[in-house]
Amino acid sequence: MSKEMENIYNEHIADEKLKQGTKYEKLAAVVFKALNTSDIVMHDLRLRGDGKNTPHQIDVTIERDNTSKRVLIECKDYNEKVGISIVRDFFGAISQIKPDEAFVVTTEGYTRVARSFAEEERIKLAILRKFNEEDWDGRIRKIHIKSSFKSIKERPQISWVAASQEEIDNFRANANKNGVNSVQDTNTVETFFYDRHGEPQENLQSVLQPIFNKLPRNVDSPTTGYHEFESTKYVKMAGLLLGIKGFSYEFLSEEIVLEEILDAGKKIALLLFEVIDGTLDKVIFDQDLDNWTFNEDGEVVPKDSV
C-alpha cells in the first residue's frame, strides 16, 4: 500500500497495524458502504459455493438491499496494472459461489487482456486511488444559483364593491357613521365572509390568497385591478352585513434576489472511485470515510455504534 493510502486509512478509519493489502481492502469496503449505506458490507469472509467443499477468501462481500443479492469484491493494491491471472483466479471463486455481481478493485488499472477476460465473464473492473487535484478537471466543483422572485411588499389595499344599488342604499341609510369611508387593517385569518343569513363561511385568507397569488407583480409601479366573485359574498362593515360582488385592489411589489453557492464546503476530496465501464465515477470525501469502522465480525458499521 502506498504511504498516501495508508495515511488515509490511519487518519479516517483506524490507526492500526495490519498485514500488507488489508488496509486497502478495508478502505474499499468502507467506500462501498458509503456509496450505499443500506448494504451490509463485510470484510474478509470465507465462502463456499452450494454443494462445494473448497472455501474461498473474499476480500469484501456485500448483501444488497436486504435481499439475497450478493456482490463479491477482490481488492489488489498494486503499483502496476492488474493482469489476467488475478482476474482469472477470482473467476474461479465467482464460478463456484455464483454472486449477482463481482468487482475487482485496484489502484493503477488493468491490462488489455485482463479487461477483455473480465468483459467476457461479466466481472466489473474498478479503480480506487488517491484523489489528485487534476482529477477536478471536467468535474463540477461549485454550482452558483441565482434566483429571484417578486412578492407583495405590503398588505394590499382592497375596496369591496357592493353587489347592487339596493345594498348601497341600505348601507348608507343604516351603517354606523364612524365606520363609513374608514380604512381598516384586517386580519384575514380571523375575518370571515358570511352567507346572507349572517352565518360565517370561509375566512378571507382562504379566498383572497389564491387570487393574489395569480396576480402579476410590477416592481416599477403599483398593481391595481378588480376581481369579481362567482357569486355574492357578505362582509360585516360598519355594523352591517353588506352583500358584495367583488373588490378592487392596489398593492406594491418588490423583487428579491437570492444567490447560493453549492460546493463541497469544508469537505476534503480523498479518493477517486470509478468503474471503468463508466457506470460509476465518484469522489470520496473525508466525511464519507470518517463515519465508519468495523465490528468484530468484519462488518462496516457506524463508529458511534461500536
C-alpha atoms as a PDB file:
ATOM      1  CA  MET A   1       0.000   0.000   0.000  1.00  0.00           C
ATOM      2  CA  SER A   2       1.260   3.432  -0.856  1.00  0.00           C
ATOM      3  CA  LYS A   3       2.081   5.714   2.046  1.00  0.00           C
ATOM      4  CA  GLU A   4      -0.654   8.120   0.960  1.00  0.00           C
ATOM      5  CA  MET A   5      -3.358   5.428   1.019  1.00  0.00           C
ATOM      6  CA  GLU A   6      -2.069   4.125   4.352  1.00  0.00           C
ATOM      7  CA  ASN A   7      -2.252   7.625   5.838  1.00  0.00           C
ATOM      8  CA  ILE A   8      -5.844   7.984   4.633  1.00  0.00           C
ATOM      9  CA  TYR A   9      -6.777   4.724   6.325  1.00  0.00           C
ATOM     10  CA  ASN A  10      -4.950   5.552   9.556  1.00  0.00           C
ATOM     11  CA  GLU A  11      -6.455   9.026   9.830  1.00  0.00           C
ATOM     12  CA  HIS A  12     -10.028   8.298   8.824  1.00  0.00           C
ATOM     13  CA  ILE A  13     -10.674   4.634   9.687  1.00  0.00           C
ATOM     14  CA  ALA A  14      -8.229   3.413  12.336  1.00  0.00           C
ATOM     15  CA  ASP A  15      -4.537   3.795  13.109  1.00  0.00           C
ATOM     16  CA  GLU A  16      -3.574   0.131  13.393  1.00  0.00           C
ATOM     17  CA  LYS A  17      -1.002  -2.345  12.153  1.00  0.00           C
ATOM     18  CA  LEU A  18      -2.318  -4.739   9.537  1.00  0.00           C
ATOM     19  CA  LYS A  19      -0.737  -7.071   7.027  1.00  0.00           C
ATOM     20  CA  GLN A  20       0.086  -5.800   3.545  1.00  0.00           C
ATOM     21  CA  GLY A  21      -3.010  -5.097   1.465  1.00  0.00           C
ATOM     22  CA  THR A  22      -5.536  -5.355   4.301  1.00  0.00           C
ATOM     23  CA  LYS A  23      -5.959  -1.619   4.766  1.00  0.00           C
ATOM     24  CA  TYR A  24      -6.707  -1.229   1.080  1.00  0.00           C
ATOM     25  CA  GLU A  25      -9.338  -3.973   1.299  1.00  0.00           C
ATOM     26  CA  LYS A  26     -10.944  -2.262   4.281  1.00  0.00           C
ATOM     27  CA  LEU A  27     -10.831   1.127   2.575  1.00  0.00           C
ATOM     28  CA  ALA A  28     -12.675  -0.407  -0.374  1.00  0.00           C
ATOM     29  CA  ALA A  29     -15.245  -1.904   1.996  1.00  0.00           C
ATOM     30  CA  VAL A  30     -15.901   1.485   3.580  1.00  0.00           C
ATOM     31  CA  VAL A  31     -16.213   3.137   0.154  1.00  0.00           C
ATOM     32  CA  PHE A  32     -18.831   0.598  -0.954  1.00  0.00           C
ATOM     33  CA  LYS A  33     -20.711   1.151   2.302  1.00  0.00           C
ATOM     34  CA  ALA A  34     -20.581   4.929   1.853  1.00  0.00           C
ATOM     35  CA  LEU A  35     -21.942   4.558  -1.678  1.00  0.00           C
ATOM     36  CA  ASN A  36     -24.988   2.650  -0.438  1.00  0.00           C
ATOM     37  CA  THR A  37     -25.472   2.778   3.320  1.00  0.00           C
ATOM     38  CA  SER A  38     -28.324   0.236   3.268  1.00  0.00           C
ATOM     39  CA  ASP A  39     -25.939  -2.505   2.082  1.00  0.00           C
ATOM     40  CA  ILE A  40     -24.431  -4.990   4.503  1.00  0.00           C
ATOM     41  CA  VAL A  41     -20.708  -4.839   3.753  1.00  0.00           C
ATOM     42  CA  MET A  42     -18.333  -7.437   5.221  1.00  0.00           C
ATOM     43  CA  HIS A  43     -14.550  -7.653   5.104  1.00  0.00           C
ATOM     44  CA  ASP A  44     -12.635 -10.924   4.761  1.00  0.00           C
ATOM     45  CA  LEU A  45     -15.150 -13.770   4.560  1.00  0.00           C
ATOM     46  CA  ARG A  46     -14.589 -17.438   3.692  1.00  0.00           C
ATOM     47  CA  LEU A  47     -17.355 -18.559   1.353  1.00  0.00           C
ATOM     48  CA  ARG A  48     -18.238 -21.859  -0.341  1.00  0.00           C
ATOM     49  CA  GLY A  49     -20.452 -22.443  -3.312  1.00  0.00           C
ATOM     50  CA  ASP A  50     -23.573 -24.541  -2.891  1.00  0.00           C
ATOM     51  CA  GLY A  51     -22.532 -28.185  -2.577  1.00  0.00           C
ATOM     52  CA  LYS A  52     -18.832 -27.262  -2.728  1.00  0.00           C
ATOM     53  CA  ASN A  53     -16.154 -28.078  -0.154  1.00  0.00           C
ATOM     54  CA  THR A  54     -13.493 -25.559  -1.145  1.00  0.00           C
ATOM     55  CA  PRO A  55     -13.653 -22.258   0.767  1.00  0.00           C
ATOM     56  CA  HIS A  56     -12.699 -19.025  -0.974  1.00  0.00           C
ATOM     57  CA  GLN A  57     -11.318 -15.983   0.812  1.00  0.00           C
ATOM     58  CA  ILE A  58     -13.332 -12.947  -0.346  1.00  0.00           C
ATOM     59  CA  ASP A  59     -11.919  -9.510   0.432  1.00  0.00           C
ATOM     60  CA  VAL A  60     -15.259  -7.686   0.505  1.00  0.00           C
ATOM     61  CA  THR A  61     -18.775  -9.135   0.371  1.00  0.00           C
ATOM     62  CA  ILE A  62     -21.991  -7.152   0.010  1.00  0.00           C
ATOM     63  CA  GLU A  63     -25.524  -8.269   0.783  1.00  0.00           C
ATOM     64  CA  ARG A  64     -27.596  -5.724  -1.094  1.00  0.00           C
ATOM     65  CA  ASP A  65     -30.900  -4.055  -0.314  1.00  0.00           C
ATOM     66  CA  ASN A  66     -31.899  -6.528   2.384  1.00  0.00           C
ATOM     67  CA  THR A  67     -32.305  -9.219  -0.248  1.00  0.00           C
ATOM     68  CA  SER A  68     -30.365 -12.297  -1.210  1.00  0.00           C
ATOM     69  CA  LYS A  69     -28.434 -10.323  -3.830  1.00  0.00           C
ATOM     70  CA  ARG A  70     -24.715 -10.807  -3.241  1.00  0.00           C
ATOM     71  CA  VAL A  71     -21.704  -8.896  -4.558  1.00  0.00           C
ATOM     72  CA  LEU A  72     -18.124 -10.182  -4.313  1.00  0.00           C
ATOM     73  CA  ILE A  73     -15.119  -7.866  -4.467  1.00  0.00           C
ATOM     74  CA  GLU A  74     -11.442  -8.678  -4.964  1.00  0.00           C
ATOM     75  CA  CYS A  75      -9.000  -5.898  -3.985  1.00  0.00           C
ATOM     76  CA  LYS A  76      -5.439  -5.525  -5.253  1.00  0.00           C
ATOM     77  CA  ASP A  77      -3.227  -2.708  -4.007  1.00  0.00           C
ATOM     78  CA  TYR A  78      -0.690  -2.829  -6.829  1.00  0.00           C
ATOM     79  CA  ASN A  79       1.736  -0.246  -8.164  1.00  0.00           C
ATOM     80  CA  GLU A  80       1.217  -1.643 -11.667  1.00  0.00           C
ATOM     81  CA  LYS A  81      -1.727  -2.763 -13.779  1.00  0.00           C
ATOM     82  CA  VAL A  82      -3.577  -5.912 -12.763  1.00  0.00           C
ATOM     83  CA  GLY A  83      -3.044  -8.734 -15.231  1.00  0.00           C
ATOM     84  CA  ILE A  84      -5.280 -11.516 -16.440  1.00  0.00           C
ATOM     85  CA  SER A  85      -4.039 -14.033 -13.860  1.00  0.00           C
ATOM     86  CA  ILE A  86      -5.610 -12.099 -10.978  1.00  0.00           C
ATOM     87  CA  VAL A  87      -8.942 -11.761 -12.747  1.00  0.00           C
ATOM     88  CA  ARG A  88      -8.893 -15.410 -13.836  1.00  0.00           C
ATOM     89  CA  ASP A  89      -8.141 -16.619 -10.307  1.00  0.00           C
ATOM     90  CA  PHE A  90     -11.001 -14.535  -8.942  1.00  0.00           C
ATOM     91  CA  PHE A  91     -13.263 -16.003 -11.602  1.00  0.00           C
ATOM     92  CA  GLY A  92     -12.629 -19.424 -10.055  1.00  0.00           C
ATOM     93  CA  ALA A  93     -14.325 -18.240  -6.839  1.00  0.00           C
ATOM     94  CA  ILE A  94     -17.071 -16.495  -8.791  1.00  0.00           C
ATOM     95  CA  SER A  95     -17.918 -19.595 -10.808  1.00  0.00           C
ATOM     96  CA  GLN A  96     -18.476 -21.624  -7.616  1.00  0.00           C
ATOM     97  CA  ILE A  97     -20.154 -19.024  -5.382  1.00  0.00           C
ATOM     98  CA  LYS A  98     -22.236 -17.531  -8.221  1.00  0.00           C
ATOM     99  CA  PRO A  99     -22.798 -13.975  -6.913  1.00  0.00           C
ATOM    100  CA  ASP A 100     -25.120 -11.494  -8.584  1.00  0.00           C
ATOM    101  CA  GLU A 101     -22.198  -9.135  -9.249  1.00  0.00           C
ATOM    102  CA  ALA A 102     -18.432  -9.236  -8.924  1.00  0.00           C
ATOM    103  CA  PHE A 103     -15.796  -6.493  -8.853  1.00  0.00           C
ATOM    104  CA  VAL A 104     -12.044  -6.308  -8.986  1.00  0.00           C
ATOM    105  CA  VAL A 105     -10.744  -3.082  -7.433  1.00  0.00           C
ATOM    106  CA  THR A 106      -7.177  -1.809  -7.806  1.00  0.00           C
ATOM    107  CA  THR A 107      -5.133   1.386  -7.952  1.00  0.00           C
ATOM    108  CA  GLU A 108      -3.387   1.527 -11.344  1.00  0.00           C
ATOM    109  CA  GLY A 109      -5.738  -0.110 -13.834  1.00  0.00           C
ATOM    110  CA  TYR A 110      -5.800  -3.329 -15.869  1.00  0.00           C
ATOM    111  CA  THR A 111      -4.002  -4.837 -18.812  1.00  0.00           C
ATOM    112  CA  ARG A 112      -5.848  -5.157 -22.103  1.00  0.00           C
ATOM    113  CA  VAL A 113      -6.218  -8.940 -21.822  1.00  0.00           C
ATOM    114  CA  ALA A 114      -7.431  -8.645 -18.213  1.00  0.00           C
ATOM    115  CA  ARG A 115     -10.109  -6.214 -19.340  1.00  0.00           C
ATOM    116  CA  SER A 116     -11.098  -8.479 -22.211  1.00  0.00           C
ATOM    117  CA  PHE A 117     -11.426 -11.511 -19.930  1.00  0.00           C
ATOM    118  CA  ALA A 118     -13.409  -9.538 -17.341  1.00  0.00           C
ATOM    119  CA  GLU A 119     -15.803  -8.285 -20.012  1.00  0.00           C
ATOM    120  CA  GLU A 120     -16.377 -11.822 -21.293  1.00  0.00           C
ATOM    121  CA  GLU A 121     -17.121 -13.108 -17.790  1.00  0.00           C
ATOM    122  CA  ARG A 122     -19.135 -10.031 -16.737  1.00  0.00           C
ATOM    123  CA  ILE A 123     -16.712  -9.039 -13.987  1.00  0.00           C
ATOM    124  CA  LYS A 124     -16.697  -5.307 -13.282  1.00  0.00           C
ATOM    125  CA  LEU A 125     -13.325  -3.599 -13.015  1.00  0.00           C
ATOM    126  CA  ALA A 126     -12.874  -0.538 -10.824  1.00  0.00           C
ATOM    127  CA  ILE A 127     -10.198   1.923  -9.748  1.00  0.00           C
ATOM    128  CA  LEU A 128      -9.862   3.138  -6.162  1.00  0.00           C
ATOM    129  CA  ARG A 129      -6.944   5.502  -5.701  1.00  0.00           C
ATOM    130  CA  LYS A 130      -5.913   8.738  -4.064  1.00  0.00           C
ATOM    131  CA  PHE A 131      -7.705  11.779  -5.448  1.00  0.00           C
ATOM    132  CA  ASN A 132      -5.390  14.256  -7.177  1.00  0.00           C
ATOM    133  CA  GLU A 133      -6.016  17.923  -7.865  1.00  0.00           C
ATOM    134  CA  GLU A 134      -6.070  17.321 -11.616  1.00  0.00           C
ATOM    135  CA  ASP A 135      -8.988  14.927 -11.097  1.00  0.00           C
ATOM    136  CA  TRP A 136     -11.180  18.016 -10.730  1.00  0.00           C
ATOM    137  CA  ASP A 137     -10.795  18.598 -14.484  1.00  0.00           C
ATOM    138  CA  GLY A 138     -14.156  18.043 -16.119  1.00  0.00           C
ATOM    139  CA  ARG A 139     -15.970  17.909 -12.776  1.00  0.00           C
ATOM    140  CA  ILE A 140     -18.283  20.493 -11.276  1.00  0.00           C
ATOM    141  CA  ARG A 141     -16.743  21.883  -8.102  1.00  0.00           C
ATOM    142  CA  LYS A 142     -19.246  24.633  -7.437  1.00  0.00           C
ATOM    143  CA  ILE A 143     -22.740  25.471  -8.613  1.00  0.00           C
ATOM    144  CA  HIS A 144     -23.744  29.120  -8.452  1.00  0.00           C
ATOM    145  CA  ILE A 145     -27.510  29.529  -8.185  1.00  0.00           C
ATOM    146  CA  LYS A 146     -29.088  32.943  -8.624  1.00  0.00           C
ATOM    147  CA  SER A 147     -32.827  33.125  -8.213  1.00  0.00           C
ATOM    148  CA  SER A 148     -35.277  35.958  -7.958  1.00  0.00           C
ATOM    149  CA  PHE A 149     -38.923  36.233  -7.111  1.00  0.00           C
ATOM    150  CA  LYS A 150     -41.407  39.068  -6.862  1.00  0.00           C
ATOM    151  CA  SER A 151     -43.554  39.411  -3.783  1.00  0.00           C
ATOM    152  CA  ILE A 152     -46.153  41.813  -2.462  1.00  0.00           C
ATOM    153  CA  LYS A 153     -44.246  44.389  -0.438  1.00  0.00           C
ATOM    154  CA  GLU A 154     -47.000  45.449   1.937  1.00  0.00           C
ATOM    155  CA  ARG A 155     -50.543  44.358   2.716  1.00  0.00           C
ATOM    156  CA  PRO A 156     -52.753  45.047  -0.307  1.00  0.00           C
ATOM    157  CA  GLN A 157     -55.461  47.662  -0.029  1.00  0.00           C
ATOM    158  CA  ILE A 158     -58.838  46.339  -1.116  1.00  0.00           C
ATOM    159  CA  SER A 159     -62.214  48.035  -1.500  1.00  0.00           C
ATOM    160  CA  TRP A 160     -65.403  45.963  -1.532  1.00  0.00           C
ATOM    161  CA  VAL A 161     -67.756  46.528  -4.439  1.00  0.00           C
ATOM    162  CA  ALA A 162     -71.403  46.253  -3.452  1.00  0.00           C
ATOM    163  CA  ALA A 163     -73.499  43.634  -5.189  1.00  0.00           C
ATOM    164  CA  SER A 164     -76.338  46.046  -6.052  1.00  0.00           C
ATOM    165  CA  GLN A 165     -77.663  49.552  -5.669  1.00  0.00           C
ATOM    166  CA  GLU A 166     -80.049  48.229  -3.039  1.00  0.00           C
ATOM    167  CA  GLU A 167     -77.074  47.095  -0.952  1.00  0.00           C
ATOM    168  CA  ILE A 168     -75.506  50.532  -1.327  1.00  0.00           C
ATOM    169  CA  ASP A 169     -78.689  52.346  -0.308  1.00  0.00           C
ATOM    170  CA  ASN A 170     -79.186  50.090   2.735  1.00  0.00           C
ATOM    171  CA  PHE A 171     -75.584  50.625   3.808  1.00  0.00           C
ATOM    172  CA  ARG A 172     -75.794  54.407   3.536  1.00  0.00           C
ATOM    173  CA  ALA A 173     -79.049  54.502   5.499  1.00  0.00           C
ATOM    174  CA  ASN A 174     -78.125  52.154   8.351  1.00  0.00           C
ATOM    175  CA  ALA A 175     -74.349  51.936   8.672  1.00  0.00           C
ATOM    176  CA  ASN A 176     -72.505  53.194  11.718  1.00  0.00           C
ATOM    177  CA  LYS A 177     -71.370  56.626  10.569  1.00  0.00           C
ATOM    178  CA  ASN A 178     -67.960  56.208  12.234  1.00  0.00           C
ATOM    179  CA  GLY A 179     -67.275  53.177  10.069  1.00  0.00           C
ATOM    180  CA  VAL A 180     -68.185  54.732   6.748  1.00  0.00           C
ATOM    181  CA  ASN A 181     -65.259  55.725   4.479  1.00  0.00           C
ATOM    182  CA  SER A 182     -62.748  54.360   7.023  1.00  0.00           C
ATOM    183  CA  VAL A 183     -59.635  52.252   6.311  1.00  0.00           C
ATOM    184  CA  GLN A 184     -59.349  49.113   8.420  1.00  0.00           C
ATOM    185  CA  ASP A 185     -56.349  46.840   8.979  1.00  0.00           C
ATOM    186  CA  THR A 186     -57.940  43.385   8.812  1.00  0.00           C
ATOM    187  CA  ASN A 187     -56.599  40.005   9.994  1.00  0.00           C
ATOM    188  CA  THR A 188     -57.558  37.803   7.053  1.00  0.00           C
ATOM    189  CA  VAL A 189     -57.371  34.597   9.115  1.00  0.00           C
ATOM    190  CA  GLU A 190     -59.770  35.812  11.788  1.00  0.00           C
ATOM    191  CA  THR A 191     -62.146  37.724   9.479  1.00  0.00           C
ATOM    192  CA  PHE A 192     -64.819  35.805   7.574  1.00  0.00           C
ATOM    193  CA  PHE A 193     -67.156  36.028   4.649  1.00  0.00           C
ATOM    194  CA  TYR A 194     -70.780  35.282   5.545  1.00  0.00           C
ATOM    195  CA  ASP A 195     -73.891  33.957   3.900  1.00  0.00           C
ATOM    196  CA  ARG A 196     -76.956  36.189   3.588  1.00  0.00           C
ATOM    197  CA  HIS A 197     -78.199  34.972   6.972  1.00  0.00           C
ATOM    198  CA  GLY A 198     -75.029  36.061   8.756  1.00  0.00           C
ATOM    199  CA  GLU A 199     -73.508  32.574   9.172  1.00  0.00           C
ATOM    200  CA  PRO A 200     -69.667  32.609   8.806  1.00  0.00           C
ATOM    201  CA  GLN A 201     -68.267  30.813   5.771  1.00  0.00           C
ATOM    202  CA  GLU A 202     -64.604  30.870   4.561  1.00  0.00           C
ATOM    203  CA  ASN A 203     -62.100  33.218   6.121  1.00  0.00           C
ATOM    204  CA  LEU A 204     -60.683  35.977   3.949  1.00  0.00           C
ATOM    205  CA  GLN A 205     -57.280  34.374   3.621  1.00  0.00           C
ATOM    206  CA  SER A 206     -58.592  31.134   2.114  1.00  0.00           C
ATOM    207  CA  VAL A 207     -60.452  33.114  -0.549  1.00  0.00           C
ATOM    208  CA  LEU A 208     -58.130  36.039  -1.248  1.00  0.00           C
ATOM    209  CA  GLN A 209     -54.702  34.388  -1.117  1.00  0.00           C
ATOM    210  CA  PRO A 210     -55.214  32.175  -4.224  1.00  0.00           C
ATOM    211  CA  ILE A 211     -56.490  35.229  -6.085  1.00  0.00           C
ATOM    212  CA  PHE A 212     -53.496  37.404  -5.179  1.00  0.00           C
ATOM    213  CA  ASN A 213     -51.065  34.551  -5.905  1.00  0.00           C
ATOM    214  CA  LYS A 214     -52.159  34.664  -9.554  1.00  0.00           C
ATOM    215  CA  LEU A 215     -51.965  38.431  -9.961  1.00  0.00           C
ATOM    216  CA  PRO A 216     -48.979  39.977 -11.821  1.00  0.00           C
ATOM    217  CA  ARG A 217     -46.231  41.695  -9.856  1.00  0.00           C
ATOM    218  CA  ASN A 218     -44.976  45.042 -11.129  1.00  0.00           C
ATOM    219  CA  VAL A 219     -41.997  46.385  -9.203  1.00  0.00           C
ATOM    220  CA  ASP A 220     -41.972  49.713 -11.097  1.00  0.00           C
ATOM    221  CA  SER A 221     -45.484  50.873 -10.225  1.00  0.00           C
ATOM    222  CA  PRO A 222     -48.481  49.850  -8.088  1.00  0.00           C
ATOM    223  CA  THR A 223     -50.541  46.898  -9.291  1.00  0.00           C
ATOM    224  CA  THR A 224     -54.228  47.775  -9.473  1.00  0.00           C
ATOM    225  CA  GLY A 225     -57.320  45.983 -10.694  1.00  0.00           C
ATOM    226  CA  TYR A 226     -60.691  44.463  -9.956  1.00  0.00           C
ATOM    227  CA  HIS A 227     -61.738  40.889  -9.178  1.00  0.00           C
ATOM    228  CA  GLU A 228     -65.329  39.694  -9.328  1.00  0.00           C
ATOM    229  CA  PHE A 229     -66.588  36.697  -7.363  1.00  0.00           C
ATOM    230  CA  GLU A 230     -68.682  33.983  -8.991  1.00  0.00           C
ATOM    231  CA  SER A 231     -71.490  34.652  -6.525  1.00  0.00           C
ATOM    232  CA  THR A 232     -72.394  37.248  -3.934  1.00  0.00           C
ATOM    233  CA  LYS A 233     -70.495  37.169  -0.663  1.00  0.00           C
ATOM    234  CA  TYR A 234     -71.285  39.062   2.524  1.00  0.00           C
ATOM    235  CA  VAL A 235     -68.961  41.010   4.792  1.00  0.00           C
ATOM    236  CA  LYS A 236     -69.554  42.887   8.014  1.00  0.00           C
ATOM    237  CA  MET A 237     -68.838  46.589   7.680  1.00  0.00           C
ATOM    238  CA  ALA A 238     -69.787  49.458   9.984  1.00  0.00           C
ATOM    239  CA  GLY A 239     -72.088  47.162  11.943  1.00  0.00           C
ATOM    240  CA  LEU A 240     -73.954  45.866   8.875  1.00  0.00           C
ATOM    241  CA  LEU A 241     -73.951  42.782   6.680  1.00  0.00           C
ATOM    242  CA  LEU A 242     -73.081  44.025   3.190  1.00  0.00           C
ATOM    243  CA  GLY A 243     -73.502  41.959   0.037  1.00  0.00           C
ATOM    244  CA  ILE A 244     -70.530  42.312  -2.318  1.00  0.00           C
ATOM    245  CA  LYS A 245     -69.852  41.083  -5.832  1.00  0.00           C
ATOM    246  CA  GLY A 246     -66.091  41.668  -5.855  1.00  0.00           C
ATOM    247  CA  PHE A 247     -63.315  44.003  -4.840  1.00  0.00           C
ATOM    248  CA  SER A 248     -60.817  46.443  -6.283  1.00  0.00           C
ATOM    249  CA  TYR A 249     -57.209  46.174  -5.188  1.00  0.00           C
ATOM    250  CA  GLU A 250     -53.905  48.028  -5.123  1.00  0.00           C
ATOM    251  CA  PHE A 251     -50.517  46.859  -3.895  1.00  0.00           C
ATOM    252  CA  LEU A 252     -46.790  47.440  -4.289  1.00  0.00           C
ATOM    253  CA  SER A 253     -44.352  44.681  -5.253  1.00  0.00           C
ATOM    254  CA  GLU A 254     -40.647  44.098  -4.714  1.00  0.00           C
ATOM    255  CA  GLU A 255     -38.102  41.803  -6.316  1.00  0.00           C
ATOM    256  CA  ILE A 256     -35.961  39.651  -4.001  1.00  0.00           C
ATOM    257  CA  VAL A 257     -32.741  38.161  -5.402  1.00  0.00           C
ATOM    258  CA  LEU A 258     -31.057  35.202  -3.742  1.00  0.00           C
ATOM    259  CA  GLU A 259     -27.615  33.838  -4.559  1.00  0.00           C
ATOM    260  CA  GLU A 260     -26.320  30.472  -3.359  1.00  0.00           C
ATOM    261  CA  ILE A 261     -23.149  28.511  -3.970  1.00  0.00           C
ATOM    262  CA  LEU A 262     -23.346  24.728  -3.745  1.00  0.00           C
ATOM    263  CA  ASP A 263     -19.986  23.077  -3.243  1.00  0.00           C
ATOM    264  CA  ALA A 264     -18.220  20.560  -1.064  1.00  0.00           C
ATOM    265  CA  GLY A 265     -17.903  23.097   1.746  1.00  0.00           C
ATOM    266  CA  LYS A 266     -15.139  22.095   4.122  1.00  0.00           C
ATOM    267  CA  LYS A 267     -15.039  18.510   2.860  1.00  0.00           C
ATOM    268  CA  ILE A 268     -11.691  17.241   1.545  1.00  0.00           C
ATOM    269  CA  ALA A 269     -11.539  15.023  -1.537  1.00  0.00           C
ATOM    270  CA  LEU A 270      -9.516  11.933  -0.573  1.00  0.00           C
ATOM    271  CA  LEU A 271     -10.207   9.121  -3.023  1.00  0.00           C
ATOM    272  CA  LEU A 272     -11.443   8.589  -6.540  1.00  0.00           C
ATOM    273  CA  PHE A 273     -13.618   5.549  -7.194  1.00  0.00           C
ATOM    274  CA  GLU A 274     -14.584   4.745 -10.750  1.00  0.00           C
ATOM    275  CA  VAL A 275     -15.865   1.690 -12.582  1.00  0.00           C
ATOM    276  CA  ILE A 276     -14.072   1.593 -15.895  1.00  0.00           C
ATOM    277  CA  ASP A 277     -17.218   0.818 -17.883  1.00  0.00           C
ATOM    278  CA  GLY A 278     -18.375   4.331 -16.969  1.00  0.00           C
ATOM    279  CA  THR A 279     -21.314   3.317 -14.771  1.00  0.00           C
ATOM    280  CA  LEU A 280     -19.859   4.948 -11.653  1.00  0.00           C
ATOM    281  CA  ASP A 281     -17.419   7.786 -11.059  1.00  0.00           C
ATOM    282  CA  LYS A 282     -17.385   9.219  -7.543  1.00  0.00           C
ATOM    283  CA  VAL A 283     -15.213  11.498  -5.468  1.00  0.00           C
ATOM    284  CA  ILE A 284     -14.873  10.143  -1.930  1.00  0.00           C
ATOM    285  CA  PHE A 285     -14.560  12.853   0.727  1.00  0.00           C
ATOM    286  CA  ASP A 286     -13.169  12.714   4.246  1.00  0.00           C
ATOM    287  CA  GLN A 287     -16.677  12.765   5.716  1.00  0.00           C
ATOM    288  CA  ASP A 288     -17.570   9.679   3.663  1.00  0.00           C
ATOM    289  CA  LEU A 289     -14.862   7.724   5.496  1.00  0.00           C
ATOM    290  CA  ASP A 290     -14.975   9.323   8.948  1.00  0.00           C
ATOM    291  CA  ASN A 291     -18.339   7.814   9.879  1.00  0.00           C
ATOM    292  CA  TRP A 292     -17.397   4.148   9.515  1.00  0.00           C
ATOM    293  CA  THR A 293     -15.446   1.427  11.254  1.00  0.00           C
ATOM    294  CA  PHE A 294     -15.577  -2.383  11.602  1.00  0.00           C
ATOM    295  CA  ASN A 295     -17.150  -4.548  14.263  1.00  0.00           C
ATOM    296  CA  GLU A 296     -15.686  -7.831  15.490  1.00  0.00           C
ATOM    297  CA  ASP A 297     -17.350  -9.732  12.652  1.00  0.00           C
ATOM    298  CA  GLY A 298     -15.733  -7.536  10.000  1.00  0.00           C
ATOM    299  CA  GLU A 299     -18.911  -5.665   9.085  1.00  0.00           C
ATOM    300  CA  VAL A 300     -18.686  -1.980   8.195  1.00  0.00           C
ATOM    301  CA  VAL A 301     -20.730  -0.145  10.838  1.00  0.00           C
ATOM    302  CA  PRO A 302     -21.161   3.441  12.060  1.00  0.00           C
ATOM    303  CA  LYS A 303     -18.434   4.468  14.506  1.00  0.00           C
ATOM    304  CA  ASP A 304     -20.940   5.569  17.088  1.00  0.00           C
ATOM    305  CA  SER A 305     -22.425   2.040  17.212  1.00  0.00           C
ATOM    306  CA  VAL A 306     -19.211   0.375  18.397  1.00  0.00           C
END
